[in-house]
Amino acid sequence: MKKNAEHENAGATASGGEPIKAAEPINGTVSTEPAATATETVAEKPASPDSEAALATRVAELEKMNAELQDQYLRKAADFDNYRKRMIKEKQDAVDFANSNLLVDLVDVLDNFDRAITAIGETEPGTPAASFKDGITMIRTQMGTMLESKYGLTYYPAKGTIFDPNLHEAIGSSANPDVKEATVAEEFVKGYKLKDRIIRHAKVMVHTPA
């Protein structure tokens, strides 16, 4: 019985019923070394000096390109920021100075009030002339205060200041030994600013050094 079992095991099949054959010796011997496979690593060759120089050159080129792109980005970002600020300022200026033409016309009305007050001159209290002058003065003050507080219209005094062509328009001049530089002697027409912009230059007489 035991011999029959060993005989059956020796004739056992793998899957198709054929008996598994023992490895046949090559040239009379059986090799015990593992067969070479496709996944065996191949020893890397050391990089040549030429390849290292080429790699260093490429790295330098990429670093230069990166610096140039970064510089371009910063410049464009700065240009866009300046453009944004300029647009905001232009929009605000459009709002602030939208009524500049109307305010220039109203400045002429203020001038007429000033001329009327000057023309009346000194009056005795309680007289009709005094009441008339007080009424005109009140209207002129109320109108000037409203234009200044609501629209930013301001009068800048000129008499006694150093002549500045950005602020003053000289309609005459005379030599004066008492001044060391051109100075406004008389103010004939008042100058006005709308916020920080001149909307009408003061017309003045100038004293120049003798």
N, C-alpha and C. Protein backbone atom coordinates (compact mmCIF):
# COMPACT_ATOMS: atom_id res chain seq x y z
N MET A 1 0.82 -1.20 0.00
CA MET A 1 0.00 0.00 0.00
C MET A 1 0.85 1.24 0.00
N LYS A 2 1.94 1.25 0.79
CA LYS A 2 2.83 2.41 0.89
C LYS A 2 3.53 2.66 -0.41
N LYS A 3 3.99 1.62 -1.08
CA LYS A 3 4.66 1.78 -2.37
C LYS A 3 3.72 2.30 -3.41
N ASN A 4 2.47 1.87 -3.40
CA ASN A 4 1.50 2.37 -4.37
C ASN A 4 1.25 3.85 -4.20
N ALA A 5 1.24 4.38 -2.93
CA ALA A 5 1.02 5.82 -2.68
C ALA A 5 2.17 6.63 -3.19
N GLU A 6 3.45 6.14 -2.97
CA GLU A 6 4.60 6.88 -3.47
C GLU A 6 4.60 6.91 -4.97
N HIS A 7 4.16 5.81 -5.61
CA HIS A 7 4.10 5.76 -7.06
C HIS A 7 3.07 6.75 -7.60
N GLU A 8 1.95 6.91 -6.90
CA GLU A 8 0.91 7.87 -7.32
C GLU A 8 1.39 9.29 -7.17
N ASN A 9 2.15 9.60 -6.06
CA ASN A 9 2.66 10.97 -5.87
C ASN A 9 3.67 11.33 -6.92
N ALA A 10 4.49 10.37 -7.31
CA ALA A 10 5.49 10.63 -8.33
C ALA A 10 4.85 10.90 -9.66
N GLY A 11 3.67 10.37 -9.89
CA GLY A 11 2.97 10.58 -11.16
C GLY A 11 1.93 11.66 -11.11
N ALA A 12 1.94 12.49 -10.02
CA ALA A 12 0.96 13.56 -9.89
C ALA A 12 1.14 14.58 -11.00
N THR A 13 0.07 15.18 -11.44
CA THR A 13 0.09 16.16 -12.54
C THR A 13 -0.05 17.56 -12.00
N ALA A 14 0.44 18.62 -12.76
CA ALA A 14 0.35 20.01 -12.36
C ALA A 14 -1.05 20.54 -12.60
N SER A 15 -1.53 20.40 -13.81
CA SER A 15 -2.89 20.86 -14.10
C SER A 15 -3.52 20.07 -15.22
N GLY A 16 -2.74 19.75 -16.20
CA GLY A 16 -3.31 19.09 -17.38
C GLY A 16 -3.20 17.59 -17.35
N GLY A 17 -2.80 17.02 -16.24
CA GLY A 17 -2.73 15.58 -16.16
C GLY A 17 -1.38 15.03 -16.52
N GLU A 18 -0.44 15.87 -17.05
CA GLU A 18 0.89 15.37 -17.39
C GLU A 18 1.77 15.41 -16.16
N PRO A 19 2.60 14.40 -16.01
CA PRO A 19 3.46 14.37 -14.81
C PRO A 19 4.50 15.46 -14.88
N ILE A 20 4.83 16.09 -13.69
CA ILE A 20 5.83 17.13 -13.58
C ILE A 20 7.19 16.50 -13.76
N LYS A 21 7.99 17.03 -14.71
CA LYS A 21 9.30 16.47 -14.99
C LYS A 21 10.35 17.16 -14.16
N ALA A 22 11.30 16.42 -13.72
CA ALA A 22 12.42 16.98 -12.96
C ALA A 22 13.32 17.73 -13.90
N ALA A 23 13.99 18.79 -13.36
CA ALA A 23 14.89 19.60 -14.18
C ALA A 23 16.01 18.74 -14.70
N GLU A 24 16.25 18.83 -16.03
CA GLU A 24 17.29 18.05 -16.65
C GLU A 24 18.60 18.77 -16.52
N PRO A 25 19.66 18.08 -16.25
CA PRO A 25 20.97 18.72 -16.09
C PRO A 25 21.48 19.20 -17.42
N ILE A 26 22.19 20.37 -17.41
CA ILE A 26 22.82 20.94 -18.60
C ILE A 26 24.27 20.53 -18.57
N ASN A 27 24.70 19.85 -19.68
CA ASN A 27 26.08 19.35 -19.76
C ASN A 27 26.42 18.48 -18.56
N GLY A 28 25.42 17.83 -18.07
CA GLY A 28 25.67 16.87 -17.01
C GLY A 28 25.59 17.47 -15.63
N THR A 29 25.41 18.83 -15.51
CA THR A 29 25.34 19.44 -14.17
C THR A 29 24.13 20.32 -14.10
N VAL A 30 23.67 20.57 -12.91
CA VAL A 30 22.52 21.46 -12.67
C VAL A 30 23.04 22.75 -12.10
N SER A 31 22.67 23.92 -12.76
CA SER A 31 23.14 25.24 -12.29
C SER A 31 22.34 25.66 -11.08
N THR A 32 23.08 26.10 -10.07
CA THR A 32 22.43 26.56 -8.83
C THR A 32 22.36 28.07 -8.75
N GLU A 33 22.93 28.86 -9.74
CA GLU A 33 22.91 30.32 -9.71
C GLU A 33 21.59 30.83 -10.27
N PRO A 34 21.00 31.93 -9.68
CA PRO A 34 19.72 32.46 -10.18
C PRO A 34 19.91 33.06 -11.55
N ALA A 35 18.90 32.94 -12.40
CA ALA A 35 18.97 33.47 -13.77
C ALA A 35 18.89 34.98 -13.74
N ALA A 36 19.58 35.63 -14.69
CA ALA A 36 19.55 37.09 -14.77
C ALA A 36 18.16 37.57 -15.19
N THR A 37 17.70 38.72 -14.61
CA THR A 37 16.38 39.27 -14.93
C THR A 37 16.55 40.66 -15.53
N ALA A 38 15.41 41.16 -16.16
CA ALA A 38 15.44 42.47 -16.82
C ALA A 38 15.46 43.62 -15.83
N THR A 39 15.16 43.32 -14.53
CA THR A 39 15.09 44.39 -13.54
C THR A 39 16.40 44.62 -12.84
N GLU A 40 17.45 43.87 -13.23
CA GLU A 40 18.74 44.08 -12.57
C GLU A 40 19.24 45.47 -12.90
N THR A 41 19.76 46.17 -11.91
CA THR A 41 20.27 47.54 -12.10
C THR A 41 21.61 47.51 -12.77
N VAL A 42 21.81 48.50 -13.64
CA VAL A 42 23.06 48.64 -14.34
C VAL A 42 23.86 49.74 -13.67
N ALA A 43 25.09 49.55 -13.43
CA ALA A 43 25.93 50.54 -12.75
C ALA A 43 25.99 51.81 -13.59
N GLU A 44 25.69 52.99 -12.94
CA GLU A 44 25.70 54.25 -13.64
C GLU A 44 27.12 54.70 -13.89
N LYS A 45 27.26 55.31 -15.08
CA LYS A 45 28.57 55.83 -15.42
C LYS A 45 28.74 57.20 -14.79
N PRO A 46 29.88 57.57 -14.32
CA PRO A 46 30.10 58.91 -13.75
C PRO A 46 29.91 59.97 -14.82
N ALA A 47 29.27 61.14 -14.40
CA ALA A 47 29.02 62.23 -15.35
C ALA A 47 30.33 62.82 -15.81
N SER A 48 30.38 63.13 -17.09
CA SER A 48 31.59 63.70 -17.66
C SER A 48 31.66 65.18 -17.35
N PRO A 49 32.86 65.77 -17.36
CA PRO A 49 32.98 67.22 -17.11
C PRO A 49 32.17 68.05 -18.10
N ASP A 50 32.09 67.58 -19.36
CA ASP A 50 31.33 68.33 -20.36
C ASP A 50 29.85 68.41 -20.00
N SER A 51 29.28 67.30 -19.51
CA SER A 51 27.86 67.29 -19.15
C SER A 51 27.60 68.16 -17.93
N GLU A 52 28.54 68.18 -16.99
CA GLU A 52 28.38 69.03 -15.80
C GLU A 52 28.43 70.51 -16.20
N ALA A 53 29.32 70.87 -17.12
CA ALA A 53 29.41 72.26 -17.58
C ALA A 53 28.13 72.67 -18.30
N ALA A 54 27.60 71.76 -19.12
CA ALA A 54 26.37 72.06 -19.83
C ALA A 54 25.20 72.25 -18.86
N LEU A 55 25.16 71.42 -17.81
CA LEU A 55 24.10 71.55 -16.81
C LEU A 55 24.22 72.87 -16.06
N ALA A 56 25.45 73.25 -15.70
CA ALA A 56 25.65 74.52 -15.00
C ALA A 56 25.24 75.69 -15.88
N THR A 57 25.55 75.62 -17.17
CA THR A 57 25.17 76.67 -18.10
C THR A 57 23.65 76.78 -18.20
N ARG A 58 22.98 75.64 -18.28
CA ARG A 58 21.53 75.63 -18.37
C ARG A 58 20.90 76.23 -17.12
N VAL A 59 21.46 75.87 -15.95
CA VAL A 59 20.94 76.42 -14.69
C VAL A 59 21.09 77.93 -14.67
N ALA A 60 22.26 78.43 -15.12
CA ALA A 60 22.49 79.87 -15.16
C ALA A 60 21.50 80.56 -16.09
N GLU A 61 21.22 79.93 -17.25
CA GLU A 61 20.27 80.51 -18.19
C GLU A 61 18.87 80.58 -17.58
N LEU A 62 18.47 79.52 -16.88
CA LEU A 62 17.14 79.50 -16.27
C LEU A 62 17.03 80.53 -15.15
N GLU A 63 18.11 80.69 -14.37
CA GLU A 63 18.09 81.69 -13.31
C GLU A 63 17.98 83.09 -13.89
N LYS A 64 18.69 83.35 -14.99
CA LYS A 64 18.61 84.65 -15.64
C LYS A 64 17.20 84.90 -16.18
N MET A 65 16.63 83.87 -16.81
CA MET A 65 15.27 83.99 -17.34
C MET A 65 14.28 84.26 -16.22
N ASN A 66 14.45 83.58 -15.10
CA ASN A 66 13.56 83.77 -13.96
C ASN A 66 13.66 85.20 -13.41
N ALA A 67 14.90 85.73 -13.32
CA ALA A 67 15.09 87.09 -12.84
C ALA A 67 14.43 88.10 -13.79
N GLU A 68 14.56 87.87 -15.11
CA GLU A 68 13.95 88.78 -16.08
C GLU A 68 12.43 88.74 -15.99
N LEU A 69 11.86 87.55 -15.86
CA LEU A 69 10.41 87.44 -15.75
C LEU A 69 9.90 88.09 -14.47
N GLN A 70 10.66 87.90 -13.39
CA GLN A 70 10.26 88.51 -12.12
C GLN A 70 10.31 90.04 -12.23
N ASP A 71 11.34 90.56 -12.90
CA ASP A 71 11.45 92.01 -13.08
C ASP A 71 10.30 92.53 -13.93
N GLN A 72 9.95 91.80 -14.99
CA GLN A 72 8.83 92.21 -15.82
C GLN A 72 7.52 92.21 -15.03
N TYR A 73 7.35 91.18 -14.20
CA TYR A 73 6.13 91.11 -13.39
C TYR A 73 6.03 92.30 -12.43
N LEU A 74 7.15 92.62 -11.76
CA LEU A 74 7.14 93.73 -10.81
C LEU A 74 6.86 95.06 -11.53
N ARG A 75 7.44 95.23 -12.72
CA ARG A 75 7.20 96.46 -13.47
C ARG A 75 5.73 96.58 -13.89
N LYS A 76 5.17 95.48 -14.38
CA LYS A 76 3.77 95.53 -14.81
C LYS A 76 2.84 95.74 -13.61
N ALA A 77 3.19 95.12 -12.48
CA ALA A 77 2.38 95.32 -11.27
C ALA A 77 2.43 96.78 -10.83
N ALA A 78 3.62 97.40 -10.90
CA ALA A 78 3.75 98.81 -10.53
C ALA A 78 2.99 99.70 -11.51
N ASP A 79 3.08 99.38 -12.81
CA ASP A 79 2.36 100.16 -13.81
C ASP A 79 0.85 100.07 -13.59
N PHE A 80 0.37 98.87 -13.28
CA PHE A 80 -1.07 98.70 -13.06
C PHE A 80 -1.51 99.46 -11.82
N ASP A 81 -0.68 99.44 -10.76
CA ASP A 81 -1.03 100.16 -9.53
C ASP A 81 -1.08 101.66 -9.79
N ASN A 82 -0.11 102.18 -10.56
CA ASN A 82 -0.12 103.60 -10.90
C ASN A 82 -1.34 103.96 -11.74
N TYR A 83 -1.69 103.06 -12.68
CA TYR A 83 -2.87 103.29 -13.52
C TYR A 83 -4.14 103.32 -12.66
N ARG A 84 -4.22 102.39 -11.71
CA ARG A 84 -5.40 102.34 -10.83
C ARG A 84 -5.51 103.63 -10.01
N LYS A 85 -4.38 104.09 -9.46
CA LYS A 85 -4.40 105.32 -8.66
C LYS A 85 -4.77 106.52 -9.52
N ARG A 86 -4.25 106.55 -10.77
CA ARG A 86 -4.56 107.67 -11.66
C ARG A 86 -6.04 107.70 -12.01
N MET A 87 -6.64 106.52 -12.23
CA MET A 87 -8.05 106.46 -12.55
C MET A 87 -8.89 106.92 -11.36
N ILE A 88 -8.48 106.53 -10.15
CA ILE A 88 -9.21 106.95 -8.95
C ILE A 88 -9.14 108.46 -8.80
N LYS A 89 -7.94 109.03 -9.03
CA LYS A 89 -7.77 110.48 -8.90
C LYS A 89 -8.58 111.23 -9.95
N GLU A 90 -8.54 110.74 -11.20
CA GLU A 90 -9.30 111.40 -12.26
C GLU A 90 -10.80 111.35 -11.98
N LYS A 91 -11.24 110.23 -11.44
CA LYS A 91 -12.66 110.11 -11.11
C LYS A 91 -13.03 111.09 -10.00
N GLN A 92 -12.15 111.19 -8.98
CA GLN A 92 -12.42 112.11 -7.88
C GLN A 92 -12.36 113.55 -8.35
N ASP A 93 -11.40 113.86 -9.23
CA ASP A 93 -11.31 115.22 -9.77
C ASP A 93 -12.56 115.58 -10.57
N ALA A 94 -13.06 114.59 -11.32
CA ALA A 94 -14.28 114.85 -12.10
C ALA A 94 -15.44 115.21 -11.19
N VAL A 95 -15.48 114.59 -10.01
CA VAL A 95 -16.55 114.90 -9.05
C VAL A 95 -16.30 116.25 -8.39
N ASP A 96 -15.04 116.48 -7.98
CA ASP A 96 -14.71 117.70 -7.23
C ASP A 96 -14.84 118.97 -8.08
N PHE A 97 -14.46 118.87 -9.36
CA PHE A 97 -14.41 120.06 -10.20
C PHE A 97 -15.50 120.08 -11.26
N ALA A 98 -16.54 119.28 -11.05
CA ALA A 98 -17.64 119.26 -12.02
C ALA A 98 -18.35 120.60 -12.09
N ASN A 99 -18.38 121.34 -10.96
CA ASN A 99 -19.10 122.61 -10.90
C ASN A 99 -18.17 123.82 -11.02
N SER A 100 -16.95 123.59 -11.51
CA SER A 100 -15.97 124.69 -11.53
C SER A 100 -16.45 125.87 -12.38
N ASN A 101 -17.05 125.59 -13.54
CA ASN A 101 -17.52 126.69 -14.40
C ASN A 101 -18.61 127.51 -13.71
N LEU A 102 -19.51 126.82 -13.03
CA LEU A 102 -20.57 127.53 -12.31
C LEU A 102 -19.99 128.36 -11.17
N LEU A 103 -19.01 127.81 -10.48
CA LEU A 103 -18.41 128.54 -9.36
C LEU A 103 -17.65 129.77 -9.82
N VAL A 104 -17.03 129.69 -10.98
CA VAL A 104 -16.36 130.88 -11.54
C VAL A 104 -17.38 131.98 -11.77
N ASP A 105 -18.54 131.63 -12.27
CA ASP A 105 -19.60 132.64 -12.47
C ASP A 105 -20.08 133.21 -11.14
N LEU A 106 -20.17 132.35 -10.12
CA LEU A 106 -20.63 132.83 -8.81
C LEU A 106 -19.58 133.72 -8.15
N VAL A 107 -18.31 133.51 -8.47
CA VAL A 107 -17.26 134.39 -7.95
C VAL A 107 -17.49 135.82 -8.44
N ASP A 108 -17.94 135.97 -9.67
CA ASP A 108 -18.25 137.31 -10.19
C ASP A 108 -19.38 137.95 -9.39
N VAL A 109 -20.33 137.14 -8.95
CA VAL A 109 -21.43 137.66 -8.12
C VAL A 109 -20.88 138.13 -6.78
N LEU A 110 -19.95 137.38 -6.20
CA LEU A 110 -19.31 137.81 -4.95
C LEU A 110 -18.58 139.13 -5.13
N ASP A 111 -17.93 139.27 -6.28
CA ASP A 111 -17.24 140.53 -6.57
C ASP A 111 -18.22 141.70 -6.58
N ASN A 112 -19.38 141.49 -7.17
CA ASN A 112 -20.38 142.57 -7.24
C ASN A 112 -20.90 142.93 -5.85
N PHE A 113 -21.06 141.93 -5.00
CA PHE A 113 -21.44 142.23 -3.62
C PHE A 113 -20.36 143.06 -2.94
N ASP A 114 -19.11 142.70 -3.13
CA ASP A 114 -18.00 143.45 -2.52
C ASP A 114 -17.97 144.89 -3.03
N ARG A 115 -18.18 145.07 -4.33
CA ARG A 115 -18.17 146.42 -4.90
C ARG A 115 -19.33 147.26 -4.34
N ALA A 116 -20.50 146.62 -4.15
CA ALA A 116 -21.65 147.35 -3.62
C ALA A 116 -21.38 147.78 -2.18
N ILE A 117 -20.80 146.90 -1.40
CA ILE A 117 -20.50 147.24 -0.01
C ILE A 117 -19.48 148.38 0.07
N THR A 118 -18.48 148.31 -0.81
CA THR A 118 -17.47 149.37 -0.83
C THR A 118 -18.07 150.70 -1.29
N ALA A 119 -18.96 150.64 -2.27
CA ALA A 119 -19.57 151.86 -2.80
C ALA A 119 -20.45 152.56 -1.77
N ILE A 120 -21.10 151.83 -0.91
CA ILE A 120 -21.96 152.45 0.11
C ILE A 120 -21.12 153.27 1.08
N GLY A 121 -19.96 152.75 1.42
CA GLY A 121 -19.07 153.47 2.32
C GLY A 121 -19.56 153.45 3.75
N GLU A 122 -19.14 154.45 4.52
CA GLU A 122 -19.52 154.54 5.92
C GLU A 122 -20.96 155.04 6.04
N THR A 123 -21.70 154.46 6.97
CA THR A 123 -23.10 154.85 7.19
C THR A 123 -23.33 155.08 8.68
N GLU A 124 -24.33 155.88 8.97
CA GLU A 124 -24.71 156.11 10.36
C GLU A 124 -25.65 155.00 10.82
N PRO A 125 -25.42 154.44 12.03
CA PRO A 125 -26.29 153.38 12.54
C PRO A 125 -27.74 153.84 12.59
N GLY A 126 -28.63 152.94 12.23
CA GLY A 126 -30.06 153.21 12.28
C GLY A 126 -30.63 153.85 11.05
N THR A 127 -29.80 154.27 10.13
CA THR A 127 -30.29 154.89 8.90
C THR A 127 -30.64 153.81 7.89
N PRO A 128 -31.48 154.14 6.90
CA PRO A 128 -31.80 153.16 5.84
C PRO A 128 -30.55 152.68 5.11
N ALA A 129 -29.61 153.57 4.91
CA ALA A 129 -28.38 153.18 4.21
C ALA A 129 -27.62 152.12 5.02
N ALA A 130 -27.59 152.29 6.34
CA ALA A 130 -26.91 151.32 7.19
C ALA A 130 -27.61 149.97 7.13
N SER A 131 -28.96 149.99 7.17
CA SER A 131 -29.71 148.73 7.09
C SER A 131 -29.49 148.05 5.75
N PHE A 132 -29.45 148.85 4.67
CA PHE A 132 -29.20 148.29 3.34
C PHE A 132 -27.81 147.65 3.27
N LYS A 133 -26.84 148.34 3.80
CA LYS A 133 -25.47 147.81 3.78
C LYS A 133 -25.37 146.53 4.61
N ASP A 134 -26.01 146.50 5.76
CA ASP A 134 -25.97 145.30 6.61
C ASP A 134 -26.62 144.11 5.90
N GLY A 135 -27.72 144.39 5.18
CA GLY A 135 -28.39 143.30 4.46
C GLY A 135 -27.50 142.73 3.36
N ILE A 136 -26.85 143.61 2.60
CA ILE A 136 -25.97 143.14 1.52
C ILE A 136 -24.78 142.36 2.10
N THR A 137 -24.23 142.88 3.20
CA THR A 137 -23.10 142.21 3.84
C THR A 137 -23.49 140.82 4.33
N MET A 138 -24.70 140.70 4.90
CA MET A 138 -25.18 139.42 5.40
C MET A 138 -25.33 138.40 4.26
N ILE A 139 -25.91 138.86 3.14
CA ILE A 139 -26.10 137.95 2.00
C ILE A 139 -24.76 137.51 1.45
N ARG A 140 -23.83 138.48 1.33
CA ARG A 140 -22.51 138.14 0.80
C ARG A 140 -21.78 137.14 1.71
N THR A 141 -21.88 137.33 3.02
CA THR A 141 -21.23 136.42 3.97
C THR A 141 -21.85 135.03 3.91
N GLN A 142 -23.17 134.98 3.84
CA GLN A 142 -23.86 133.70 3.79
C GLN A 142 -23.49 132.94 2.52
N MET A 143 -23.45 133.63 1.40
CA MET A 143 -23.13 132.98 0.13
C MET A 143 -21.68 132.51 0.12
N GLY A 144 -20.76 133.33 0.59
CA GLY A 144 -19.35 132.93 0.63
C GLY A 144 -19.11 131.74 1.54
N THR A 145 -19.79 131.71 2.70
CA THR A 145 -19.64 130.59 3.63
C THR A 145 -20.18 129.30 3.03
N MET A 146 -21.31 129.39 2.33
CA MET A 146 -21.90 128.21 1.70
C MET A 146 -20.98 127.66 0.61
N LEU A 147 -20.42 128.52 -0.23
CA LEU A 147 -19.53 128.06 -1.31
C LEU A 147 -18.25 127.44 -0.75
N GLU A 148 -17.79 127.97 0.36
CA GLU A 148 -16.57 127.42 0.96
C GLU A 148 -16.81 126.08 1.64
N SER A 149 -17.86 125.97 2.44
CA SER A 149 -18.10 124.75 3.21
C SER A 149 -18.64 123.61 2.35
N LYS A 150 -19.45 123.93 1.35
CA LYS A 150 -20.10 122.89 0.56
C LYS A 150 -19.29 122.50 -0.67
N TYR A 151 -18.58 123.47 -1.28
CA TYR A 151 -17.90 123.19 -2.55
C TYR A 151 -16.38 123.35 -2.47
N GLY A 152 -15.87 123.88 -1.38
CA GLY A 152 -14.42 124.02 -1.23
C GLY A 152 -13.85 125.24 -1.92
N LEU A 153 -14.68 126.26 -2.18
CA LEU A 153 -14.21 127.49 -2.81
C LEU A 153 -13.63 128.42 -1.75
N THR A 154 -12.40 128.86 -1.91
CA THR A 154 -11.76 129.72 -0.92
C THR A 154 -11.05 130.89 -1.59
N TYR A 155 -11.04 132.01 -0.88
CA TYR A 155 -10.33 133.20 -1.33
C TYR A 155 -8.94 133.21 -0.71
N TYR A 156 -7.93 133.53 -1.50
CA TYR A 156 -6.58 133.62 -0.93
C TYR A 156 -6.09 135.07 -1.04
N PRO A 157 -5.74 135.68 0.09
CA PRO A 157 -5.29 137.08 0.06
C PRO A 157 -3.98 137.21 -0.71
N ALA A 158 -3.81 138.35 -1.38
CA ALA A 158 -2.62 138.56 -2.20
C ALA A 158 -1.80 139.75 -1.72
N LYS A 159 -2.44 140.80 -1.24
CA LYS A 159 -1.73 142.03 -0.88
C LYS A 159 -0.69 141.78 0.20
N GLY A 160 0.52 142.25 -0.06
CA GLY A 160 1.61 142.12 0.89
C GLY A 160 2.38 140.82 0.79
N THR A 161 1.98 139.92 -0.09
CA THR A 161 2.68 138.64 -0.25
C THR A 161 3.70 138.74 -1.38
N ILE A 162 4.64 137.79 -1.41
CA ILE A 162 5.61 137.73 -2.49
C ILE A 162 4.90 137.37 -3.79
N PHE A 163 5.25 138.08 -4.86
CA PHE A 163 4.59 137.82 -6.14
C PHE A 163 4.91 136.40 -6.62
N ASP A 164 3.84 135.67 -6.96
CA ASP A 164 3.97 134.31 -7.46
C ASP A 164 3.14 134.20 -8.74
N PRO A 165 3.79 134.01 -9.89
CA PRO A 165 3.01 133.94 -11.14
C PRO A 165 2.03 132.79 -11.19
N ASN A 166 2.21 131.79 -10.32
CA ASN A 166 1.24 130.69 -10.26
C ASN A 166 -0.05 131.10 -9.56
N LEU A 167 0.02 132.20 -8.78
CA LEU A 167 -1.14 132.65 -8.03
C LEU A 167 -1.63 134.02 -8.48
N HIS A 168 -0.72 134.82 -9.00
CA HIS A 168 -1.05 136.22 -9.29
C HIS A 168 -0.87 136.54 -10.77
N GLU A 169 -1.70 137.46 -11.22
CA GLU A 169 -1.58 138.00 -12.57
C GLU A 169 -1.26 139.49 -12.44
N ALA A 170 -0.05 139.87 -12.80
CA ALA A 170 0.37 141.26 -12.66
C ALA A 170 -0.22 142.09 -13.79
N ILE A 171 -0.93 143.15 -13.42
CA ILE A 171 -1.49 144.06 -14.43
C ILE A 171 -0.73 145.38 -14.42
N GLY A 172 0.30 145.47 -13.59
CA GLY A 172 1.13 146.67 -13.54
C GLY A 172 2.22 146.47 -12.50
N SER A 173 3.27 147.27 -12.61
CA SER A 173 4.37 147.19 -11.65
C SER A 173 5.05 148.53 -11.52
N SER A 174 5.72 148.73 -10.41
CA SER A 174 6.47 149.97 -10.18
C SER A 174 7.64 149.64 -9.26
N ALA A 175 8.75 150.39 -9.45
CA ALA A 175 9.93 150.17 -8.62
C ALA A 175 9.72 150.77 -7.24
N ASN A 176 10.22 150.06 -6.26
CA ASN A 176 10.09 150.52 -4.87
C ASN A 176 11.35 150.14 -4.12
N PRO A 177 12.09 151.11 -3.57
CA PRO A 177 13.34 150.79 -2.87
C PRO A 177 13.13 150.06 -1.55
N ASP A 178 11.91 150.04 -1.08
CA ASP A 178 11.65 149.40 0.22
C ASP A 178 11.48 147.89 0.13
N VAL A 179 11.39 147.33 -1.06
CA VAL A 179 11.21 145.88 -1.21
C VAL A 179 12.47 145.26 -1.77
N LYS A 180 12.79 144.04 -1.35
CA LYS A 180 13.97 143.32 -1.82
C LYS A 180 13.62 142.32 -2.92
N GLU A 181 12.35 142.02 -3.06
CA GLU A 181 11.89 141.16 -4.14
C GLU A 181 10.48 141.56 -4.52
N ALA A 182 10.04 141.08 -5.67
CA ALA A 182 8.72 141.49 -6.18
C ALA A 182 7.64 141.16 -5.17
N THR A 183 6.86 142.18 -4.83
CA THR A 183 5.83 142.05 -3.80
C THR A 183 4.52 142.64 -4.29
N VAL A 184 3.41 142.00 -3.93
CA VAL A 184 2.09 142.48 -4.33
C VAL A 184 1.76 143.73 -3.51
N ALA A 185 1.56 144.84 -4.24
CA ALA A 185 1.26 146.11 -3.57
C ALA A 185 -0.24 146.34 -3.44
N GLU A 186 -0.98 146.03 -4.48
CA GLU A 186 -2.43 146.22 -4.48
C GLU A 186 -3.11 145.02 -5.12
N GLU A 187 -4.31 144.75 -4.65
CA GLU A 187 -5.11 143.65 -5.19
C GLU A 187 -6.35 144.25 -5.83
N PHE A 188 -6.47 144.13 -7.15
CA PHE A 188 -7.60 144.72 -7.85
C PHE A 188 -8.75 143.71 -8.03
N VAL A 189 -8.41 142.45 -8.25
CA VAL A 189 -9.41 141.39 -8.39
C VAL A 189 -8.98 140.23 -7.50
N LYS A 190 -9.88 139.75 -6.67
CA LYS A 190 -9.55 138.68 -5.74
C LYS A 190 -9.29 137.36 -6.47
N GLY A 191 -8.37 136.57 -5.91
CA GLY A 191 -8.10 135.24 -6.44
C GLY A 191 -8.82 134.17 -5.63
N TYR A 192 -9.27 133.12 -6.32
CA TYR A 192 -10.01 132.04 -5.66
C TYR A 192 -9.45 130.68 -6.05
N LYS A 193 -9.52 129.76 -5.08
CA LYS A 193 -9.14 128.37 -5.30
C LYS A 193 -10.36 127.48 -5.11
N LEU A 194 -10.42 126.43 -5.91
CA LEU A 194 -11.41 125.37 -5.70
C LEU A 194 -10.63 124.17 -5.21
N LYS A 195 -10.73 123.91 -3.90
CA LYS A 195 -9.87 122.94 -3.22
C LYS A 195 -8.43 123.38 -3.40
N ASP A 196 -7.59 122.63 -4.12
CA ASP A 196 -6.19 123.02 -4.29
C ASP A 196 -5.90 123.55 -5.69
N ARG A 197 -6.93 123.84 -6.46
CA ARG A 197 -6.74 124.29 -7.84
C ARG A 197 -7.19 125.75 -7.98
N ILE A 198 -6.34 126.54 -8.66
CA ILE A 198 -6.68 127.93 -8.91
C ILE A 198 -7.75 127.99 -10.00
N ILE A 199 -8.89 128.62 -9.68
CA ILE A 199 -9.91 128.79 -10.71
C ILE A 199 -9.96 130.23 -11.21
N ARG A 200 -9.34 131.15 -10.45
CA ARG A 200 -9.18 132.52 -10.93
C ARG A 200 -7.98 133.16 -10.25
N HIS A 201 -7.04 133.64 -11.04
CA HIS A 201 -5.85 134.28 -10.50
C HIS A 201 -6.18 135.69 -9.99
N ALA A 202 -5.51 136.08 -8.94
CA ALA A 202 -5.66 137.43 -8.43
C ALA A 202 -4.96 138.42 -9.36
N LYS A 203 -5.64 139.49 -9.70
CA LYS A 203 -5.06 140.54 -10.53
C LYS A 203 -4.48 141.61 -9.61
N VAL A 204 -3.18 141.85 -9.75
CA VAL A 204 -2.49 142.67 -8.75
C VAL A 204 -1.55 143.68 -9.39
N MET A 205 -1.17 144.69 -8.54
CA MET A 205 -0.10 145.62 -8.85
C MET A 205 1.12 145.16 -8.05
N VAL A 206 2.29 145.17 -8.71
CA VAL A 206 3.48 144.62 -8.10
C VAL A 206 4.52 145.72 -7.89
N HIS A 207 5.16 145.68 -6.71
CA HIS A 207 6.32 146.53 -6.43
C HIS A 207 7.58 145.68 -6.65
N THR A 208 8.51 146.23 -7.44
CA THR A 208 9.76 145.55 -7.70
C THR A 208 10.92 146.31 -7.06
N PRO A 209 12.03 145.62 -6.73
CA PRO A 209 13.18 146.32 -6.13
C PRO A 209 13.70 147.42 -7.05
N ALA A 210 14.04 148.54 -6.45
CA ALA A 210 14.54 149.68 -7.26
C ALA A 210 15.97 149.42 -7.69
